[in-house]
Amino acid sequence: MVGATYALAHKLYPYAPVPDQQRVAHHPVIIIGGGPIGVATGLDLAQKGTPALILDDHEGVGQGSRAICFAKRTLEISDRLGAGSAMVDKGIVWNVGKVFHGDEKVFEFNLLPEDGHKNPAFINLQQPYFEKFLIDALRRAEDAGQPIEIRGRNVVTGLSQTETHVILDIDTPDGPYKATADYVIACDGARSPTRELMGLTFDGRVFEDNFLIADVRMTAEFPTERWFWFEPPFEGAGQSALLHKQPDDVWRIDFQLGWDIDRDAELNEGRIRERIDDFLPDGTEYELVWTSIYTFQCRRMDRFRHGRVLFAGDSAHQVSPFGARGANSGMQDADNLAWKLDLVLKGLASEALLDTYHEERAHGADENILNSTRATDFLTPKSAISKIFRDAVLTLARDHPFARPMVNSGRLSVPCTYDGLSLNTSDELPGGPVRSRPGSPCPDAPVTDGFLLDDLKGRFTLLAIDMDLPAHAELPGIRLNTIRLSGAGVSSLLRERYLGAAPGALYLIRPDQHVAARWERATSEQVLQALKTAIAQT
């Protein structure tokens, strides 16, 4: 049925009264929003021993497939949180994409052509499943005694803050109550009520175009690939079309409709079926699972931190869906924020470290907005000259590889590298690979007992490859995870990704698996200074 959702068989976190409703309880961290970003942030904090309370206005009921493309970096983060393997098992794994112009294939690409990674480049997985697997991990964390809780139908209706804490007014089916927190994290989406309560702006650009999503259930022989058409040869398909597979024999079809449309008419089931019937092979039987129309928007807040309130995910920044940059960048927000807030709450770092959350993730948001804007401009040329250029690029790309990087059908999400930002120590590994430079996310690689990223335990890690670890170099309260690999224990892929032309290397890796520093040789004093830099300690 048109408009049907992917509602799961039960509520993930049904409302239940709690003792806090009879008193004003204090919490170290309250997270507003029980979507994937809020739950991921809470899980990461709880794993580090910092209590997290998540408040959500719903009860974990699916609201349509929404995000479906989850990138390798998101799966690596989810792995550390205890949900990654379930996501990969359920999801549709894909690495190959094909681009068409009319009825001719322009070229194809492979997002992960190399071996030696635990996770694939992408999976397609409906967002309700993604959220369920994170909630499953949350329940396991609760059962293991980790300090995390989620409350459904707890709606934040008021917010104020002092120099020492945040005060929240919360409404429930049993009436209102108050709670306080050292810090609040707003993960409540692009229409963020928290942002509105605080009177904060959300500036950016709305693009003059509309896209129809139609999720259909069918048995089809299309390969498990991402297919994108410029000027598709199907009547009613619009200026572009997209096809790729989800679990449970559901396929995502996107049609570019243009700007001046009658939204109600376009969401009529008969009109949707006309478009799909023209798109699919004659006689294809299918069931409409979910439909929606969306408009490209690229916006972000001026600052992601406002005193003791921090914003993450779509509440902080919003990008157009082509490129799968929304949920994937939000998961990187959670990954970046949790370890910093944990150290601040434990008194191991100053609040200056929280300012670097904005520094780094605003850098990532700007990168995503730039890529999304360029994709939109390529998809919908705004002048005759722009269209001539776009079509010329597509023609050249059929036979000439140099033109293919200029084709932009929504460049797919890649993790952000924090080049030149304040937590990095200058690169001191001559001949070291570019991909593992300071600021970059650690590339995975095989090690003796599995994969390198599994050995990075959500703490600062000192990784020595073909060299000895330096003597004791820890800050009070910050215990380093240490890994030494040498000889036969260093796979050729690890050597390629971390040594390059260097005979050996020492890496300081942050809790979010980004490289803080690397050296050909380093003393304990150098490691200690890099660790201080990485926690904004001057």
Protein backbone atom coordinates (compact mmCIF):
# COMPACT_ATOMS: atom_id res chain seq x y z
CA MET A 1 0.00 0.00 0.00
CA VAL A 2 1.30 3.48 -0.82
CA GLY A 3 2.53 5.14 2.32
CA ALA A 4 2.96 1.86 4.19
CA THR A 5 5.95 1.73 6.51
CA TYR A 6 8.50 -0.84 7.53
CA ALA A 7 6.99 -0.95 11.02
CA LEU A 8 8.47 -3.85 12.91
CA ALA A 9 6.36 -6.44 14.70
CA HIS A 10 6.83 -4.78 18.08
CA LYS A 11 7.81 -1.45 19.57
CA LEU A 12 11.52 -1.27 20.21
CA TYR A 13 11.26 0.83 23.37
CA PRO A 14 7.62 1.14 24.51
CA TYR A 15 6.73 3.78 27.05
CA ALA A 16 7.01 2.79 30.71
CA PRO A 17 6.90 5.00 33.80
CA VAL A 18 10.19 5.48 35.67
CA PRO A 19 11.06 6.77 39.17
CA ASP A 20 12.56 9.93 37.63
CA GLN A 21 9.00 11.15 36.99
CA GLN A 22 8.57 11.62 40.75
CA ARG A 23 11.74 13.68 41.27
CA VAL A 24 14.31 15.80 39.45
CA ALA A 25 17.07 13.31 38.61
CA HIS A 26 20.48 14.28 37.31
CA HIS A 27 22.28 12.46 34.48
CA PRO A 28 25.78 12.98 33.07
CA VAL A 29 24.46 12.89 29.48
CA ILE A 30 20.94 13.07 28.07
CA ILE A 31 20.55 12.36 24.36
CA ILE A 32 17.44 13.71 22.63
CA GLY A 33 16.44 11.38 19.79
CA GLY A 34 16.38 7.58 19.60
CA GLY A 35 17.35 7.26 15.94
CA PRO A 36 20.62 5.68 14.83
CA ILE A 37 22.81 8.66 15.71
CA GLY A 38 21.42 9.05 19.21
CA VAL A 39 21.63 5.35 19.98
CA ALA A 40 25.14 5.04 18.54
CA THR A 41 26.35 7.97 20.65
CA GLY A 42 24.76 6.51 23.78
CA LEU A 43 26.24 3.07 23.14
CA ASP A 44 29.72 4.49 22.63
CA LEU A 45 29.52 6.48 25.87
CA ALA A 46 28.18 3.50 27.82
CA GLN A 47 30.95 1.23 26.55
CA LYS A 48 33.42 3.73 27.99
CA GLY A 49 31.60 3.75 31.34
CA THR A 50 29.82 7.11 30.98
CA PRO A 51 26.06 6.83 31.68
CA ALA A 52 23.77 7.90 28.84
CA LEU A 53 20.00 8.42 28.90
CA ILE A 54 18.22 8.54 25.52
CA LEU A 55 14.82 10.23 25.22
CA ASP A 56 12.67 9.71 22.14
CA ASP A 57 9.23 11.03 21.21
CA HIS A 58 8.30 7.72 19.52
CA GLU A 59 8.61 4.10 20.59
CA GLY A 60 10.88 2.76 17.89
CA VAL A 61 8.26 2.24 15.19
CA GLY A 62 9.49 2.13 11.59
CA GLN A 63 8.56 5.14 9.45
CA GLY A 64 9.54 4.04 5.96
CA SER A 65 12.82 2.84 4.55
CA ARG A 66 14.39 6.32 4.49
CA ALA A 67 18.17 5.83 4.56
CA ILE A 68 19.20 2.56 2.95
CA CYS A 69 22.87 2.86 1.91
CA PHE A 70 25.32 2.33 4.75
CA ALA A 71 29.01 2.76 4.03
CA LYS A 72 32.03 0.79 5.13
CA ARG A 73 33.01 3.33 7.79
CA THR A 74 29.52 3.17 9.31
CA LEU A 75 29.77 -0.62 9.46
CA GLU A 76 33.18 -0.36 11.15
CA ILE A 77 31.72 1.97 13.79
CA SER A 78 28.70 -0.32 14.22
CA ASP A 79 31.06 -3.28 14.62
CA ARG A 80 32.70 -1.62 17.59
CA LEU A 81 29.25 -0.92 19.07
CA GLY A 82 28.18 -4.57 18.72
CA ALA A 83 25.76 -4.25 15.80
CA GLY A 84 27.85 -4.46 12.62
CA SER A 85 27.74 -8.19 11.91
CA ALA A 86 23.92 -8.31 12.16
CA MET A 87 23.70 -5.42 9.71
CA VAL A 88 25.96 -7.09 7.16
CA ASP A 89 24.17 -10.43 7.56
CA LYS A 90 20.78 -8.83 6.85
CA GLY A 91 21.92 -6.23 4.33
CA ILE A 92 22.49 -6.48 0.61
CA VAL A 93 26.23 -6.20 0.00
CA TRP A 94 27.29 -4.31 -3.11
CA ASN A 95 30.47 -2.77 -4.50
CA VAL A 96 29.67 -2.18 -8.20
CA GLY A 97 27.78 0.72 -9.72
CA LYS A 98 26.87 1.42 -13.35
CA VAL A 99 26.08 4.76 -14.98
CA PHE A 100 23.89 5.07 -18.08
CA HIS A 101 23.03 7.94 -20.41
CA GLY A 102 19.80 7.15 -22.15
CA ASP A 103 19.96 3.46 -23.01
CA GLU A 104 23.79 3.31 -23.27
CA LYS A 105 26.12 2.35 -20.45
CA VAL A 106 28.68 5.09 -19.86
CA PHE A 107 30.93 3.18 -17.45
CA GLU A 108 30.94 1.12 -14.26
CA PHE A 109 32.91 1.43 -11.04
CA ASN A 110 33.94 -0.75 -8.11
CA LEU A 111 33.95 0.99 -4.74
CA LEU A 112 36.20 -1.61 -3.09
CA PRO A 113 38.40 -3.29 -5.70
CA GLU A 114 41.01 -4.41 -3.14
CA ASP A 115 41.04 -7.29 -0.67
CA GLY A 116 41.86 -7.28 3.01
CA HIS A 117 38.88 -5.51 4.58
CA LYS A 118 36.46 -7.02 7.08
CA ASN A 119 33.52 -4.94 5.82
CA PRO A 120 32.23 -4.28 2.30
CA ALA A 121 32.12 -0.88 0.62
CA PHE A 122 28.35 -0.60 1.13
CA ILE A 123 25.29 -2.48 2.22
CA ASN A 124 21.70 -1.62 1.42
CA LEU A 125 19.53 -2.01 4.51
CA GLN A 126 16.24 -0.30 5.35
CA GLN A 127 16.73 2.18 8.20
CA PRO A 128 14.23 0.47 10.56
CA TYR A 129 16.41 -2.65 10.47
CA PHE A 130 19.55 -0.56 11.02
CA GLU A 131 17.91 1.04 14.05
CA LYS A 132 16.69 -2.32 15.37
CA PHE A 133 20.18 -3.80 15.32
CA LEU A 134 21.51 -0.81 17.28
CA ILE A 135 18.68 -1.18 19.82
CA ASP A 136 19.48 -4.90 20.09
CA ALA A 137 23.06 -3.91 20.92
CA LEU A 138 21.73 -1.41 23.47
CA ARG A 139 19.68 -4.14 25.17
CA ARG A 140 22.74 -6.39 25.34
CA ALA A 141 24.69 -3.51 26.86
CA GLU A 142 21.95 -3.02 29.48
CA ASP A 143 21.98 -6.74 30.29
CA ALA A 144 25.76 -6.57 30.70
CA GLY A 145 25.39 -3.76 33.23
CA GLN A 146 26.58 -0.93 31.00
CA PRO A 147 25.05 2.45 31.98
CA ILE A 148 22.56 3.12 29.17
CA GLU A 149 18.78 3.60 29.08
CA ILE A 150 16.25 4.57 26.40
CA ARG A 151 12.77 5.94 27.13
CA GLY A 152 10.02 6.04 24.51
CA ARG A 153 7.33 8.73 24.36
CA ASN A 154 9.44 11.10 26.43
CA VAL A 155 9.10 14.41 24.60
CA VAL A 156 11.41 17.30 25.48
CA THR A 157 9.26 20.46 25.62
CA GLY A 158 11.63 22.91 27.30
CA LEU A 159 15.36 23.47 27.70
CA SER A 160 17.50 25.91 29.63
CA GLN A 161 21.08 25.83 30.77
CA THR A 162 23.32 27.25 33.47
CA GLU A 163 27.10 27.30 33.70
CA THR A 164 27.04 23.84 35.29
CA HIS A 165 24.11 21.90 33.80
CA VAL A 166 21.13 21.71 31.44
CA ILE A 167 17.52 21.58 32.63
CA LEU A 168 14.95 19.72 30.53
CA ASP A 169 11.16 19.73 30.68
CA ILE A 170 9.88 16.34 29.51
CA ASP A 171 6.31 15.30 28.70
CA THR A 172 5.01 11.71 28.88
CA PRO A 173 1.62 9.93 28.75
CA ASP A 174 1.62 10.17 32.56
CA GLY A 175 2.38 13.87 32.64
CA PRO A 176 5.45 16.12 32.71
CA TYR A 177 8.65 15.90 34.71
CA LYS A 178 12.06 17.57 34.84
CA ALA A 179 15.59 16.22 34.55
CA THR A 180 19.03 17.77 34.55
CA ALA A 181 22.23 16.79 32.78
CA ASP A 182 25.85 17.85 32.61
CA TYR A 183 25.52 17.79 28.80
CA VAL A 184 22.72 17.28 26.28
CA ILE A 185 23.23 15.90 22.78
CA ALA A 186 20.49 16.76 20.27
CA CYS A 187 20.07 13.98 17.71
CA ASP A 188 16.46 14.83 16.84
CA GLY A 189 16.63 15.19 13.08
CA ALA A 190 16.53 17.85 10.40
CA ARG A 191 13.44 19.50 11.93
CA SER A 192 15.14 19.42 15.36
CA PRO A 193 12.72 20.62 18.07
CA THR A 194 15.77 21.22 20.28
CA ARG A 195 17.19 23.64 17.74
CA GLU A 196 13.85 25.45 17.63
CA LEU A 197 13.59 25.58 21.44
CA MET A 198 16.97 27.30 21.49
CA GLY A 199 16.12 29.68 18.64
CA LEU A 200 19.06 28.52 16.51
CA THR A 201 19.25 28.85 12.74
CA PHE A 202 19.71 26.13 10.14
CA ASP A 203 21.01 27.85 7.03
CA GLY A 204 21.65 26.56 3.54
CA ARG A 205 20.13 25.96 0.16
CA VAL A 206 16.97 24.29 -1.12
CA PHE A 207 17.36 23.02 -4.69
CA GLU A 208 14.54 23.42 -7.15
CA ASP A 209 13.87 19.78 -7.82
CA ASN A 210 11.78 16.90 -6.48
CA PHE A 211 12.46 13.17 -6.42
CA LEU A 212 10.01 10.33 -6.05
CA ILE A 213 11.06 7.30 -4.02
CA ALA A 214 9.20 4.10 -4.78
CA ASP A 215 10.15 0.98 -2.85
CA VAL A 216 8.66 -2.07 -4.54
CA ARG A 217 8.72 -5.74 -3.60
CA MET A 218 9.31 -7.99 -6.60
CA THR A 219 11.30 -10.93 -7.84
CA ALA A 220 13.70 -9.47 -10.38
CA GLU A 221 16.80 -10.58 -12.19
CA PHE A 222 18.63 -7.27 -11.95
CA PRO A 223 22.13 -7.73 -10.48
CA THR A 224 22.93 -6.46 -6.99
CA GLU A 225 24.44 -3.21 -8.23
CA ARG A 226 23.64 0.51 -8.14
CA TRP A 227 22.27 1.54 -11.55
CA PHE A 228 21.86 5.22 -12.37
CA TRP A 229 20.44 6.74 -15.56
CA PHE A 230 20.88 10.28 -16.87
CA GLU A 231 17.94 11.05 -19.19
CA PRO A 232 16.57 7.50 -18.86
CA PRO A 233 14.89 5.98 -21.92
CA PHE A 234 11.73 5.11 -19.96
CA GLU A 235 8.60 7.18 -20.44
CA GLY A 236 7.70 9.04 -17.26
CA ALA A 237 11.06 8.38 -15.56
CA GLY A 238 11.98 12.07 -15.56
CA GLN A 239 15.46 13.53 -15.89
CA SER A 240 17.22 10.75 -13.99
CA ALA A 241 16.46 7.40 -12.36
CA LEU A 242 18.11 5.13 -9.82
CA LEU A 243 17.66 1.43 -9.08
CA HIS A 244 19.16 -0.74 -6.37
CA LYS A 245 18.20 -3.68 -4.20
CA GLN A 246 17.30 -3.90 -0.51
CA PRO A 247 16.66 -6.95 1.68
CA ASP A 248 13.41 -8.94 1.50
CA ASP A 249 13.16 -8.63 -2.32
CA VAL A 250 12.53 -4.88 -2.06
CA TRP A 251 13.99 -2.58 -4.71
CA ARG A 252 14.50 1.17 -4.41
CA ILE A 253 13.54 3.18 -7.50
CA ASP A 254 14.09 6.96 -7.62
CA PHE A 255 12.63 9.22 -10.31
CA GLN A 256 13.65 12.86 -10.79
CA LEU A 257 10.39 14.77 -11.25
CA GLY A 258 11.48 18.40 -11.63
CA TRP A 259 10.46 21.43 -9.59
CA ASP A 260 6.97 22.55 -10.62
CA ILE A 261 4.89 19.48 -9.71
CA ASP A 262 1.60 18.64 -8.04
CA ARG A 263 2.85 16.57 -5.09
CA ASP A 264 -0.55 15.10 -4.28
CA ALA A 265 -1.07 14.02 -7.88
CA GLU A 266 2.41 12.50 -8.09
CA LEU A 267 1.80 10.48 -4.90
CA ASN A 268 -1.41 9.03 -6.31
CA GLU A 269 -0.98 5.26 -6.51
CA GLY A 270 -2.18 5.13 -10.11
CA ARG A 271 0.35 7.74 -11.21
CA ILE A 272 3.18 6.00 -9.37
CA ARG A 273 2.29 2.69 -10.98
CA GLU A 274 2.30 4.30 -14.44
CA ARG A 275 5.90 5.41 -13.90
CA ILE A 276 7.00 2.05 -12.52
CA ASP A 277 5.22 0.08 -15.26
CA ASP A 278 7.11 2.10 -17.89
CA PHE A 279 10.38 1.55 -16.03
CA LEU A 280 10.20 -2.21 -15.40
CA PRO A 281 10.09 -4.97 -18.05
CA ASP A 282 6.60 -5.66 -19.38
CA GLY A 283 4.53 -7.91 -17.16
CA THR A 284 6.65 -7.46 -14.03
CA GLU A 285 4.54 -8.10 -10.94
CA TYR A 286 5.33 -5.99 -7.89
CA GLU A 287 3.92 -4.65 -4.63
CA LEU A 288 4.26 -1.01 -3.62
CA VAL A 289 5.88 -0.99 -0.18
CA TRP A 290 6.62 2.67 0.50
CA THR A 291 6.62 5.94 -1.45
CA SER A 292 7.68 9.48 -0.73
CA ILE A 293 8.71 12.70 -2.46
CA TYR A 294 11.73 14.61 -1.26
CA THR A 295 13.48 17.85 -2.18
CA PHE A 296 17.24 18.29 -2.20
CA GLN A 297 18.37 20.43 0.71
CA CYS A 298 21.84 21.27 2.01
CA ARG A 299 21.95 23.09 5.35
CA ARG A 300 23.96 23.25 8.52
CA MET A 301 24.10 25.05 11.84
CA ASP A 302 26.67 27.77 12.29
CA ARG A 303 28.00 25.99 15.40
CA PHE A 304 27.48 22.39 16.54
CA ARG A 305 28.16 23.25 20.19
CA HIS A 306 26.11 25.75 22.18
CA GLY A 307 27.35 25.73 25.75
CA ARG A 308 26.39 22.37 27.23
CA VAL A 309 24.19 21.39 24.28
CA LEU A 310 25.77 19.66 21.28
CA PHE A 311 24.08 18.80 17.98
CA ALA A 312 24.77 15.69 15.90
CA GLY A 313 23.44 14.09 12.72
CA ASP A 314 20.64 15.75 10.76
CA SER A 315 19.92 18.17 13.60
CA ALA A 316 23.35 19.73 12.92
CA HIS A 317 23.58 19.32 9.15
CA GLN A 318 21.44 18.07 6.29
CA VAL A 319 22.47 16.97 2.80
CA SER A 320 20.61 15.67 -0.23
CA PRO A 321 20.17 11.88 -0.26
CA PHE A 322 22.16 11.17 -3.44
CA GLY A 323 25.55 10.00 -2.21
CA ALA A 324 24.27 8.43 1.03
CA ARG A 325 25.90 11.13 3.13
CA GLY A 326 23.18 11.74 5.74
CA ALA A 327 23.15 8.79 8.14
CA ASN A 328 26.75 7.91 7.30
CA SER A 329 28.05 11.35 8.25
CA GLY A 330 25.83 11.30 11.35
CA MET A 331 27.47 8.06 12.50
CA GLN A 332 30.84 9.78 12.13
CA ASP A 333 29.50 12.60 14.35
CA ALA A 334 28.67 10.04 17.05
CA ASP A 335 32.10 8.43 16.63
CA ASN A 336 33.82 11.80 16.99
CA LEU A 337 31.80 13.17 19.90
CA ALA A 338 31.48 10.23 22.32
CA TRP A 339 35.16 9.78 23.22
CA LYS A 340 35.68 13.51 23.64
CA LEU A 341 32.67 13.96 25.93
CA ASP A 342 33.71 10.87 27.91
CA LEU A 343 37.16 12.33 28.63
CA VAL A 344 35.72 15.72 29.58
CA LEU A 345 33.18 14.20 31.98
CA LYS A 346 35.91 12.11 33.60
CA GLY A 347 38.04 15.21 34.11
CA LEU A 348 40.76 13.90 31.80
CA ALA A 349 40.39 16.70 29.24
CA SER A 350 39.14 20.27 29.30
CA GLU A 351 36.06 21.59 27.53
CA ALA A 352 38.39 22.81 24.80
CA LEU A 353 38.22 19.24 23.47
CA LEU A 354 34.45 19.66 22.89
CA ASP A 355 35.14 22.66 20.66
CA THR A 356 37.15 20.36 18.39
CA TYR A 357 33.96 18.34 17.84
CA HIS A 358 32.57 21.32 15.96
CA GLU A 359 35.91 21.99 14.27
CA GLU A 360 36.21 18.48 12.86
CA ARG A 361 32.59 17.63 12.13
CA ALA A 362 31.78 21.02 10.60
CA HIS A 363 34.75 20.31 8.32
CA GLY A 364 33.08 17.00 7.43
CA ALA A 365 29.67 18.65 6.95
CA ASP A 366 31.13 21.26 4.62
CA GLU A 367 32.81 18.53 2.59
CA ASN A 368 29.51 16.64 2.31
CA ILE A 369 27.54 19.75 1.41
CA LEU A 370 30.07 20.63 -1.29
CA ASN A 371 29.85 17.14 -2.80
CA SER A 372 26.05 17.07 -2.58
CA THR A 373 25.75 20.51 -4.17
CA ARG A 374 28.03 19.52 -7.04
CA ALA A 375 26.02 16.31 -7.56
CA THR A 376 22.77 18.24 -7.67
CA ASP A 377 24.15 20.77 -10.15
CA PHE A 378 25.39 17.94 -12.38
CA LEU A 379 22.07 16.09 -12.16
CA THR A 380 20.02 19.19 -12.95
CA PRO A 381 21.96 21.61 -15.18
CA LYS A 382 20.69 25.14 -14.59
CA SER A 383 21.44 26.51 -18.06
CA ALA A 384 21.76 25.36 -21.66
CA ILE A 385 25.55 25.71 -21.45
CA SER A 386 25.66 23.60 -18.27
CA LYS A 387 23.65 20.87 -19.96
CA ILE A 388 25.93 20.90 -23.02
CA PHE A 389 28.93 20.50 -20.70
CA ARG A 390 27.22 17.73 -18.70
CA ASP A 391 26.27 15.75 -21.82
CA ALA A 392 29.76 16.20 -23.30
CA VAL A 393 31.30 14.76 -20.12
CA LEU A 394 28.96 11.76 -20.31
CA THR A 395 29.85 11.17 -23.96
CA LEU A 396 33.59 11.35 -23.27
CA ALA A 397 33.30 9.07 -20.24
CA ARG A 398 32.18 6.13 -22.40
CA ASP A 399 35.62 5.77 -23.95
CA HIS A 400 37.97 7.98 -21.94
CA PRO A 401 38.73 7.22 -18.26
CA PHE A 402 39.95 10.80 -17.60
CA ALA A 403 36.35 12.06 -17.93
CA ARG A 404 34.79 9.55 -15.53
CA PRO A 405 35.72 11.37 -12.28
CA MET A 406 33.76 14.37 -13.63
CA VAL A 407 30.54 12.31 -13.86
CA ASN A 408 28.56 13.00 -10.70
CA SER A 409 25.49 10.88 -10.05
CA GLY A 410 25.89 11.37 -6.32
CA ARG A 411 29.46 10.65 -5.23
CA LEU A 412 29.12 8.07 -2.51
CA SER A 413 30.00 8.71 1.10
CA VAL A 414 33.59 8.29 2.21
CA PRO A 415 34.88 8.98 5.74
CA CYS A 416 36.20 12.46 6.41
CA THR A 417 39.92 13.10 6.84
CA TYR A 418 40.70 15.91 9.28
CA ASP A 419 43.60 17.37 7.31
CA GLY A 420 45.37 20.26 8.98
CA LEU A 421 43.12 20.42 12.05
CA SER A 422 44.19 21.11 15.60
CA LEU A 423 44.31 17.60 17.13
CA ASN A 424 46.85 16.29 14.60
CA THR A 425 50.59 16.10 15.09
CA SER A 426 52.63 16.82 11.97
CA ASP A 427 53.49 13.79 9.85
CA GLU A 428 56.90 12.34 10.70
CA LEU A 429 56.84 9.17 8.59
CA PRO A 430 58.82 9.86 5.40
CA GLY A 431 57.42 7.80 2.55
CA GLY A 432 54.34 6.87 4.55
CA PRO A 433 51.10 6.12 2.66
CA VAL A 434 48.83 9.08 2.04
CA ARG A 435 45.76 7.10 3.09
CA SER A 436 46.99 6.69 6.68
CA ARG A 437 48.33 10.21 7.25
CA PRO A 438 47.45 12.11 10.46
CA GLY A 439 43.77 13.03 10.49
CA SER A 440 42.72 10.08 8.36
CA PRO A 441 40.51 7.17 9.43
CA CYS A 442 42.57 4.02 9.83
CA PRO A 443 42.33 1.74 6.80
CA ASP A 444 41.54 -1.83 7.76
CA ALA A 445 44.03 -4.60 7.02
CA PRO A 446 44.48 -8.28 7.87
CA VAL A 447 46.47 -9.18 10.98
CA THR A 448 47.32 -12.57 12.45
CA ASP A 449 44.11 -12.95 14.44
CA GLY A 450 41.68 -11.24 12.07
CA PHE A 451 41.52 -7.55 11.15
CA LEU A 452 43.33 -4.55 12.53
CA LEU A 453 40.27 -2.43 13.32
CA ASP A 454 38.94 -5.15 15.63
CA ASP A 455 42.07 -4.70 17.76
CA LEU A 456 41.51 -0.95 18.22
CA LYS A 457 39.44 -1.06 21.38
CA GLY A 458 37.81 2.37 21.42
CA ARG A 459 40.79 3.76 23.34
CA PHE A 460 43.93 5.58 22.34
CA THR A 461 46.17 2.97 20.72
CA LEU A 462 49.90 2.92 20.09
CA LEU A 463 50.58 0.72 17.06
CA ALA A 464 54.19 -0.30 16.37
CA ILE A 465 54.97 -2.00 13.05
CA ASP A 466 58.40 -3.58 12.63
CA MET A 467 59.77 -1.65 15.61
CA ASP A 468 59.71 -1.71 19.39
CA LEU A 469 57.17 0.21 21.42
CA PRO A 470 58.64 3.17 23.29
CA ALA A 471 58.84 3.13 27.07
CA HIS A 472 55.92 4.24 29.22
CA ALA A 473 54.16 7.27 27.68
CA GLU A 474 50.71 7.69 29.17
CA LEU A 475 48.82 10.61 30.63
CA PRO A 476 47.24 10.15 34.08
CA GLY A 477 43.92 8.33 33.64
CA ILE A 478 44.41 7.63 29.91
CA ARG A 479 45.54 4.05 29.45
CA LEU A 480 46.99 3.28 26.04
CA ASN A 481 46.05 0.14 24.14
CA THR A 482 49.31 -1.15 22.63
CA ILE A 483 49.83 -3.35 19.57
CA ARG A 484 53.18 -4.51 18.25
CA LEU A 485 53.36 -6.26 14.89
CA SER A 486 56.56 -7.47 13.27
CA GLY A 487 58.00 -9.97 10.86
CA ALA A 488 55.54 -12.55 9.60
CA GLY A 489 52.77 -10.87 11.60
CA VAL A 490 52.84 -7.90 9.22
CA SER A 491 50.76 -8.79 6.18
CA SER A 492 51.69 -7.34 2.82
CA LEU A 493 48.46 -5.34 2.84
CA LEU A 494 49.15 -3.90 6.28
CA ARG A 495 52.64 -2.96 5.12
CA GLU A 496 51.22 -1.31 2.00
CA ARG A 497 48.58 0.66 3.93
CA TYR A 498 50.70 1.73 6.92
CA LEU A 499 54.40 1.61 5.95
CA GLY A 500 54.65 2.44 2.27
CA ALA A 501 58.33 3.07 1.65
CA ALA A 502 59.18 3.27 5.37
CA PRO A 503 61.02 0.34 7.03
CA GLY A 504 58.89 0.64 10.18
CA ALA A 505 56.37 2.94 11.77
CA LEU A 506 54.79 4.01 15.04
CA TYR A 507 51.17 5.25 15.01
CA LEU A 508 49.13 7.00 17.69
CA ILE A 509 45.48 6.23 16.95
CA ARG A 510 42.52 8.00 18.54
CA PRO A 511 39.52 6.22 20.12
CA ASP A 512 37.51 6.94 16.94
CA GLN A 513 40.16 5.13 14.86
CA HIS A 514 41.56 8.30 13.27
CA VAL A 515 45.33 8.70 13.10
CA ALA A 516 46.59 11.33 15.56
CA ALA A 517 50.31 11.01 14.78
CA ARG A 518 52.85 8.76 13.11
CA TRP A 519 56.63 8.52 13.19
CA GLU A 520 59.52 6.59 11.72
CA ARG A 521 60.97 6.65 15.25
CA ALA A 522 59.59 8.34 18.37
CA THR A 523 60.59 8.85 21.97
CA SER A 524 58.20 8.56 24.90
CA GLU A 525 58.25 12.36 25.14
CA GLN A 526 57.13 12.72 21.51
CA VAL A 527 54.30 10.24 22.03
CA LEU A 528 53.23 12.05 25.21
CA GLN A 529 53.17 15.41 23.44
CA ALA A 530 51.13 13.97 20.56
CA LEU A 531 48.68 12.51 23.08
CA LYS A 532 48.33 15.93 24.73
CA THR A 533 47.72 17.52 21.33
CA ALA A 534 45.08 14.89 20.54
CA ILE A 535 43.07 15.84 23.64
CA ALA A 536 43.48 19.61 23.10
CA GLN A 537 45.81 19.94 26.09
CA THR A 538 48.22 22.81 25.64
